[in-house]
Amino acid sequence: MTSGNNGQLKVTLVKSLHGQLANIAASVRGLGLRKRHQTVVVADTPENRGMIRTAVHLLKVEKA
């Protein structure tokens, strides 16, 4: 993925938050995801990339 602040990323929660550490669940919730298979479009910022990196094993990320 290329870095930059002008793009957007489509993030989908593909696995459950059940049993995850609190900081991982908080990162997913911070991205605006609440349910499995829910998709949100977020800005491609360093802050959002950090939250995605924390929970990358639960998410599917694509360019929007």
N, C-alpha and C. Protein backbone atom coordinates (compact mmCIF):
# COMPACT_ATOMS: atom_id res chain seq x y z
N MET A 1 0.84 -1.18 0.00
CA MET A 1 0.00 0.00 0.00
C MET A 1 0.88 1.24 0.00
N THR A 2 0.49 2.21 -0.74
CA THR A 2 1.24 3.44 -0.77
C THR A 2 0.75 4.37 0.32
N SER A 3 1.66 5.13 0.87
CA SER A 3 1.25 6.08 1.90
C SER A 3 0.85 7.39 1.25
N GLY A 4 0.07 8.13 1.94
CA GLY A 4 -0.41 9.40 1.43
C GLY A 4 -1.70 9.76 2.10
N ASN A 5 -1.97 11.03 2.21
CA ASN A 5 -3.14 11.46 2.95
C ASN A 5 -4.35 11.73 2.06
N ASN A 6 -4.21 11.61 0.73
CA ASN A 6 -5.32 11.96 -0.13
C ASN A 6 -6.18 10.77 -0.52
N GLY A 7 -5.75 9.55 -0.26
CA GLY A 7 -6.50 8.37 -0.66
C GLY A 7 -7.48 7.92 0.39
N GLN A 8 -8.23 6.89 0.02
CA GLN A 8 -9.15 6.28 0.97
C GLN A 8 -8.98 4.78 0.92
N LEU A 9 -9.28 4.13 2.03
CA LEU A 9 -9.17 2.68 2.15
C LEU A 9 -10.52 2.09 2.51
N LYS A 10 -10.84 0.97 1.89
CA LYS A 10 -12.05 0.24 2.22
C LYS A 10 -11.65 -0.90 3.16
N VAL A 11 -12.19 -0.87 4.37
CA VAL A 11 -11.80 -1.82 5.41
C VAL A 11 -13.01 -2.67 5.78
N THR A 12 -12.84 -3.99 5.76
CA THR A 12 -13.91 -4.92 6.10
C THR A 12 -13.47 -5.80 7.26
N LEU A 13 -14.34 -5.95 8.25
CA LEU A 13 -14.07 -6.84 9.38
C LEU A 13 -14.46 -8.25 8.96
N VAL A 14 -13.49 -9.15 8.84
CA VAL A 14 -13.79 -10.50 8.36
C VAL A 14 -13.78 -11.55 9.46
N LYS A 15 -13.22 -11.23 10.61
CA LYS A 15 -13.22 -12.15 11.74
C LYS A 15 -13.76 -11.45 12.98
N SER A 16 -14.26 -12.23 13.91
CA SER A 16 -14.89 -11.71 15.11
C SER A 16 -13.87 -11.07 16.06
N LEU A 17 -14.34 -10.13 16.85
CA LEU A 17 -13.52 -9.52 17.90
C LEU A 17 -13.49 -10.35 19.17
N HIS A 18 -14.31 -11.37 19.24
CA HIS A 18 -14.41 -12.18 20.45
C HIS A 18 -13.06 -12.78 20.81
N GLY A 19 -12.63 -12.55 22.05
CA GLY A 19 -11.38 -13.12 22.53
C GLY A 19 -10.15 -12.30 22.20
N GLN A 20 -10.31 -11.17 21.53
CA GLN A 20 -9.16 -10.34 21.18
C GLN A 20 -8.78 -9.44 22.36
N LEU A 21 -7.55 -8.97 22.36
CA LEU A 21 -7.11 -8.04 23.39
C LEU A 21 -7.89 -6.73 23.28
N ALA A 22 -7.99 -6.02 24.37
CA ALA A 22 -8.78 -4.79 24.42
C ALA A 22 -8.27 -3.74 23.44
N ASN A 23 -6.94 -3.64 23.28
CA ASN A 23 -6.42 -2.62 22.37
C ASN A 23 -6.73 -2.95 20.91
N ILE A 24 -6.81 -4.23 20.57
CA ILE A 24 -7.17 -4.63 19.20
C ILE A 24 -8.63 -4.31 18.95
N ALA A 25 -9.49 -4.66 19.89
CA ALA A 25 -10.92 -4.37 19.74
C ALA A 25 -11.16 -2.87 19.67
N ALA A 26 -10.42 -2.09 20.45
CA ALA A 26 -10.57 -0.64 20.44
C ALA A 26 -10.15 -0.05 19.10
N SER A 27 -9.11 -0.60 18.49
CA SER A 27 -8.67 -0.13 17.18
C SER A 27 -9.71 -0.40 16.11
N VAL A 28 -10.30 -1.58 16.15
CA VAL A 28 -11.34 -1.93 15.17
C VAL A 28 -12.55 -1.02 15.35
N ARG A 29 -12.95 -0.80 16.60
CA ARG A 29 -14.08 0.09 16.86
C ARG A 29 -13.75 1.53 16.44
N GLY A 30 -12.50 1.93 16.63
CA GLY A 30 -12.08 3.26 16.23
C GLY A 30 -12.15 3.48 14.73
N LEU A 31 -12.04 2.40 13.97
CA LEU A 31 -12.19 2.48 12.51
C LEU A 31 -13.66 2.56 12.11
N GLY A 32 -14.56 2.34 13.07
CA GLY A 32 -15.99 2.42 12.79
C GLY A 32 -16.64 1.09 12.49
N LEU A 33 -15.93 0.00 12.77
CA LEU A 33 -16.47 -1.33 12.50
C LEU A 33 -17.11 -1.91 13.75
N ARG A 34 -18.32 -2.42 13.61
CA ARG A 34 -19.05 -2.97 14.76
C ARG A 34 -19.37 -4.46 14.57
N LYS A 35 -19.71 -4.88 13.35
CA LYS A 35 -20.14 -6.26 13.10
C LYS A 35 -19.26 -6.91 12.05
N ARG A 36 -19.21 -8.24 12.08
CA ARG A 36 -18.49 -8.97 11.05
C ARG A 36 -19.09 -8.68 9.68
N HIS A 37 -18.24 -8.63 8.68
CA HIS A 37 -18.61 -8.39 7.28
C HIS A 37 -19.09 -6.96 7.04
N GLN A 38 -18.96 -6.09 8.02
CA GLN A 38 -19.27 -4.67 7.83
C GLN A 38 -18.07 -4.02 7.14
N THR A 39 -18.35 -3.11 6.22
CA THR A 39 -17.30 -2.41 5.48
C THR A 39 -17.45 -0.92 5.69
N VAL A 40 -16.31 -0.25 5.91
CA VAL A 40 -16.29 1.21 6.03
C VAL A 40 -15.18 1.74 5.12
N VAL A 41 -15.34 2.99 4.71
CA VAL A 41 -14.30 3.68 3.94
C VAL A 41 -13.69 4.72 4.86
N VAL A 42 -12.38 4.63 5.04
CA VAL A 42 -11.68 5.56 5.92
C VAL A 42 -10.59 6.27 5.14
N ALA A 43 -10.19 7.43 5.63
CA ALA A 43 -9.11 8.19 5.00
C ALA A 43 -7.79 7.44 5.19
N ASP A 44 -6.92 7.53 4.21
CA ASP A 44 -5.61 6.89 4.27
C ASP A 44 -4.65 7.81 5.03
N THR A 45 -4.73 7.74 6.36
CA THR A 45 -3.88 8.57 7.21
C THR A 45 -2.98 7.67 8.06
N PRO A 46 -1.89 8.21 8.57
CA PRO A 46 -1.02 7.40 9.44
C PRO A 46 -1.76 6.86 10.67
N GLU A 47 -2.71 7.65 11.20
CA GLU A 47 -3.46 7.20 12.38
C GLU A 47 -4.32 5.98 12.05
N ASN A 48 -5.03 6.04 10.92
CA ASN A 48 -5.87 4.91 10.53
C ASN A 48 -5.02 3.71 10.15
N ARG A 49 -3.88 3.92 9.51
CA ARG A 49 -3.00 2.81 9.17
C ARG A 49 -2.48 2.12 10.42
N GLY A 50 -2.24 2.89 11.48
CA GLY A 50 -1.79 2.29 12.74
C GLY A 50 -2.86 1.39 13.34
N MET A 51 -4.12 1.84 13.28
CA MET A 51 -5.23 1.02 13.80
C MET A 51 -5.40 -0.23 12.94
N ILE A 52 -5.24 -0.08 11.63
CA ILE A 52 -5.35 -1.24 10.73
C ILE A 52 -4.23 -2.23 11.02
N ARG A 53 -3.01 -1.73 11.22
CA ARG A 53 -1.87 -2.60 11.48
C ARG A 53 -2.07 -3.40 12.76
N THR A 54 -2.70 -2.78 13.76
CA THR A 54 -2.95 -3.46 15.03
C THR A 54 -3.85 -4.67 14.86
N ALA A 55 -4.85 -4.55 13.97
CA ALA A 55 -5.85 -5.61 13.82
C ALA A 55 -5.82 -6.23 12.42
N VAL A 56 -4.67 -6.22 11.76
CA VAL A 56 -4.60 -6.66 10.37
C VAL A 56 -5.05 -8.12 10.20
N HIS A 57 -4.91 -8.94 11.22
CA HIS A 57 -5.30 -10.33 11.13
C HIS A 57 -6.82 -10.53 11.14
N LEU A 58 -7.58 -9.47 11.43
CA LEU A 58 -9.05 -9.54 11.45
C LEU A 58 -9.68 -8.82 10.28
N LEU A 59 -8.89 -8.08 9.50
CA LEU A 59 -9.43 -7.16 8.50
C LEU A 59 -9.03 -7.54 7.09
N LYS A 60 -9.85 -7.06 6.13
CA LYS A 60 -9.48 -7.07 4.72
C LYS A 60 -9.44 -5.61 4.30
N VAL A 61 -8.32 -5.20 3.71
CA VAL A 61 -8.12 -3.79 3.35
C VAL A 61 -7.90 -3.69 1.85
N GLU A 62 -8.63 -2.77 1.22
CA GLU A 62 -8.50 -2.52 -0.21
C GLU A 62 -8.46 -1.02 -0.43
N LYS A 63 -7.93 -0.60 -1.58
CA LYS A 63 -8.02 0.81 -1.94
C LYS A 63 -9.46 1.11 -2.35
N ALA A 64 -9.95 2.28 -1.95
CA ALA A 64 -11.33 2.65 -2.29
C ALA A 64 -11.36 3.45 -3.57
